[in-house]
Amino acid sequence: MKYFLTLALFCGIVFSCKPKVLSGTALHDKLIETMQDYLPKTLAKDVTFKINEVAFYPDAEKKLYNCNFTVTMFKNGKDTTGVVVATISNDFETVHRLQ
């Protein structure tokens, strides 16, 4: 009985530590948050930006998300809207900007 309780506790800990798979609005928001963290590292210091929307699809084989972000950038009182194309890993740690 003692070993059964230990095994049950161990299995409970192992299975509860699995990361939650995001979908829908939570995934959409997490992709935008990841890009908001990434862009300031790559832009000039006097440029500000706003991410308007993101279109994405998962690539299960490569374990990443292919994303197209519509971004409005502001510099010296002028603004422009463009598209940032990037891939984001499933764990949201790696961003590879393609365009």
C-alpha atoms as a PDB file:
ATOM      1  CA  MET A   1       0.000   0.000   0.000  1.00  0.00           C
ATOM      2  CA  LYS A   2       2.874   2.332   0.858  1.00  0.00           C
ATOM      3  CA  TYR A   3       4.479   1.778  -2.569  1.00  0.00           C
ATOM      4  CA  PHE A   4       1.158   2.287  -4.333  1.00  0.00           C
ATOM      5  CA  LEU A   5       0.670   5.705  -2.717  1.00  0.00           C
ATOM      6  CA  THR A   6       4.246   6.687  -3.569  1.00  0.00           C
ATOM      7  CA  LEU A   7       3.761   5.591  -7.184  1.00  0.00           C
ATOM      8  CA  ALA A   8       0.437   7.445  -7.436  1.00  0.00           C
ATOM      9  CA  LEU A   9       2.007  10.619  -6.025  1.00  0.00           C
ATOM     10  CA  PHE A  10       4.965  10.350  -8.396  1.00  0.00           C
ATOM     11  CA  CYS A  11       2.682   9.823 -11.421  1.00  0.00           C
ATOM     12  CA  GLY A  12       0.531  12.755 -10.350  1.00  0.00           C
ATOM     13  CA  ILE A  13       3.557  15.050 -10.198  1.00  0.00           C
ATOM     14  CA  VAL A  14       4.921  13.880 -13.564  1.00  0.00           C
ATOM     15  CA  PHE A  15       1.645  14.279 -15.430  1.00  0.00           C
ATOM     16  CA  SER A  16       0.786  17.617 -13.852  1.00  0.00           C
ATOM     17  CA  CYS A  17       4.096  19.175 -14.945  1.00  0.00           C
ATOM     18  CA  LYS A  18       3.315  18.845 -18.654  1.00  0.00           C
ATOM     19  CA  PRO A  19       3.053  22.309 -20.243  1.00  0.00           C
ATOM     20  CA  LYS A  20      -0.433  23.357 -21.265  1.00  0.00           C
ATOM     21  CA  VAL A  21      -1.065  23.467 -25.013  1.00  0.00           C
ATOM     22  CA  LEU A  22      -2.392  26.880 -26.002  1.00  0.00           C
ATOM     23  CA  SER A  23      -5.113  27.395 -28.584  1.00  0.00           C
ATOM     24  CA  GLY A  24      -7.539  30.039 -29.773  1.00  0.00           C
ATOM     25  CA  THR A  25      -7.316  33.468 -28.189  1.00  0.00           C
ATOM     26  CA  ALA A  26      -4.645  32.423 -25.678  1.00  0.00           C
ATOM     27  CA  LEU A  27      -2.338  31.302 -28.511  1.00  0.00           C
ATOM     28  CA  HIS A  28      -3.039  34.491 -30.478  1.00  0.00           C
ATOM     29  CA  ASP A  29      -2.203  36.643 -27.446  1.00  0.00           C
ATOM     30  CA  LYS A  30       0.950  34.655 -26.625  1.00  0.00           C
ATOM     31  CA  LEU A  31       2.283  35.059 -30.192  1.00  0.00           C
ATOM     32  CA  ILE A  32       1.721  38.825 -30.028  1.00  0.00           C
ATOM     33  CA  GLU A  33       3.360  38.977 -26.592  1.00  0.00           C
ATOM     34  CA  THR A  34       6.375  37.025 -27.873  1.00  0.00           C
ATOM     35  CA  MET A  35       6.815  39.398 -30.825  1.00  0.00           C
ATOM     36  CA  GLN A  36       6.397  42.443 -28.547  1.00  0.00           C
ATOM     37  CA  ASP A  37       9.298  41.128 -26.482  1.00  0.00           C
ATOM     38  CA  TYR A  38      11.421  40.422 -29.576  1.00  0.00           C
ATOM     39  CA  LEU A  39      10.966  43.604 -31.654  1.00  0.00           C
ATOM     40  CA  PRO A  40      12.550  46.116 -29.223  1.00  0.00           C
ATOM     41  CA  LYS A  41      15.758  44.074 -29.361  1.00  0.00           C
ATOM     42  CA  THR A  42      15.993  44.464 -33.157  1.00  0.00           C
ATOM     43  CA  LEU A  43      14.678  47.995 -33.799  1.00  0.00           C
ATOM     44  CA  ALA A  44      16.433  51.313 -33.341  1.00  0.00           C
ATOM     45  CA  LYS A  45      16.010  52.811 -29.872  1.00  0.00           C
ATOM     46  CA  ASP A  46      13.874  55.774 -31.032  1.00  0.00           C
ATOM     47  CA  VAL A  47      11.339  53.589 -32.898  1.00  0.00           C
ATOM     48  CA  THR A  48       8.097  52.616 -31.202  1.00  0.00           C
ATOM     49  CA  PHE A  49       5.607  50.122 -32.567  1.00  0.00           C
ATOM     50  CA  LYS A  50       2.163  48.662 -32.184  1.00  0.00           C
ATOM     51  CA  ILE A  51       1.218  45.171 -33.341  1.00  0.00           C
ATOM     52  CA  ASN A  52      -2.210  45.408 -34.947  1.00  0.00           C
ATOM     53  CA  GLU A  53      -2.891  41.765 -35.777  1.00  0.00           C
ATOM     54  CA  VAL A  54      -1.312  38.395 -36.425  1.00  0.00           C
ATOM     55  CA  ALA A  55      -2.140  35.650 -38.893  1.00  0.00           C
ATOM     56  CA  PHE A  56      -0.495  32.322 -38.145  1.00  0.00           C
ATOM     57  CA  TYR A  57      -0.562  28.620 -38.804  1.00  0.00           C
ATOM     58  CA  PRO A  58       1.237  25.842 -36.946  1.00  0.00           C
ATOM     59  CA  ASP A  59       3.842  23.653 -38.609  1.00  0.00           C
ATOM     60  CA  ALA A  60       3.650  20.437 -36.566  1.00  0.00           C
ATOM     61  CA  GLU A  61       6.539  18.814 -38.424  1.00  0.00           C
ATOM     62  CA  LYS A  62       9.001  21.618 -37.600  1.00  0.00           C
ATOM     63  CA  LYS A  63       7.340  22.402 -34.226  1.00  0.00           C
ATOM     64  CA  LEU A  64       6.862  26.112 -34.872  1.00  0.00           C
ATOM     65  CA  TYR A  65       4.315  28.741 -35.844  1.00  0.00           C
ATOM     66  CA  ASN A  66       4.566  30.632 -39.134  1.00  0.00           C
ATOM     67  CA  CYS A  67       3.353  34.163 -38.409  1.00  0.00           C
ATOM     68  CA  ASN A  68       2.535  37.349 -40.326  1.00  0.00           C
ATOM     69  CA  PHE A  69       2.311  40.361 -38.025  1.00  0.00           C
ATOM     70  CA  THR A  70       0.815  43.674 -39.147  1.00  0.00           C
ATOM     71  CA  VAL A  71       2.863  46.303 -37.330  1.00  0.00           C
ATOM     72  CA  THR A  72       2.600  50.094 -37.186  1.00  0.00           C
ATOM     73  CA  MET A  73       5.947  51.779 -36.453  1.00  0.00           C
ATOM     74  CA  PHE A  74       6.444  55.338 -35.262  1.00  0.00           C
ATOM     75  CA  LYS A  75       9.628  57.430 -35.553  1.00  0.00           C
ATOM     76  CA  ASN A  76      10.078  61.204 -35.299  1.00  0.00           C
ATOM     77  CA  GLY A  77       6.350  61.897 -35.574  1.00  0.00           C
ATOM     78  CA  LYS A  78       5.968  59.773 -38.710  1.00  0.00           C
ATOM     79  CA  ASP A  79       4.396  56.362 -38.967  1.00  0.00           C
ATOM     80  CA  THR A  80       4.253  53.455 -41.368  1.00  0.00           C
ATOM     81  CA  THR A  81       2.439  50.151 -41.407  1.00  0.00           C
ATOM     82  CA  GLY A  82       4.122  46.999 -42.607  1.00  0.00           C
ATOM     83  CA  VAL A  83       4.271  43.248 -42.294  1.00  0.00           C
ATOM     84  CA  VAL A  84       6.762  41.315 -40.192  1.00  0.00           C
ATOM     85  CA  VAL A  85       7.066  37.664 -41.170  1.00  0.00           C
ATOM     86  CA  ALA A  86       8.571  35.380 -38.546  1.00  0.00           C
ATOM     87  CA  THR A  87       8.614  31.868 -37.185  1.00  0.00           C
ATOM     88  CA  ILE A  88       8.132  31.278 -33.476  1.00  0.00           C
ATOM     89  CA  SER A  89       8.970  27.975 -31.813  1.00  0.00           C
ATOM     90  CA  ASN A  90       6.269  25.988 -30.009  1.00  0.00           C
ATOM     91  CA  ASP A  91       7.843  26.862 -26.648  1.00  0.00           C
ATOM     92  CA  PHE A  92       7.821  30.602 -27.577  1.00  0.00           C
ATOM     93  CA  GLU A  93      11.544  30.909 -26.816  1.00  0.00           C
ATOM     94  CA  THR A  94      12.975  31.257 -30.339  1.00  0.00           C
ATOM     95  CA  VAL A  95      11.926  33.902 -32.863  1.00  0.00           C
ATOM     96  CA  HIS A  96      13.390  33.859 -36.362  1.00  0.00           C
ATOM     97  CA  ARG A  97      12.468  36.906 -38.394  1.00  0.00           C
ATOM     98  CA  LEU A  98      12.169  36.210 -42.112  1.00  0.00           C
ATOM     99  CA  GLN A  99      11.043  39.625 -43.339  1.00  0.00           C
END
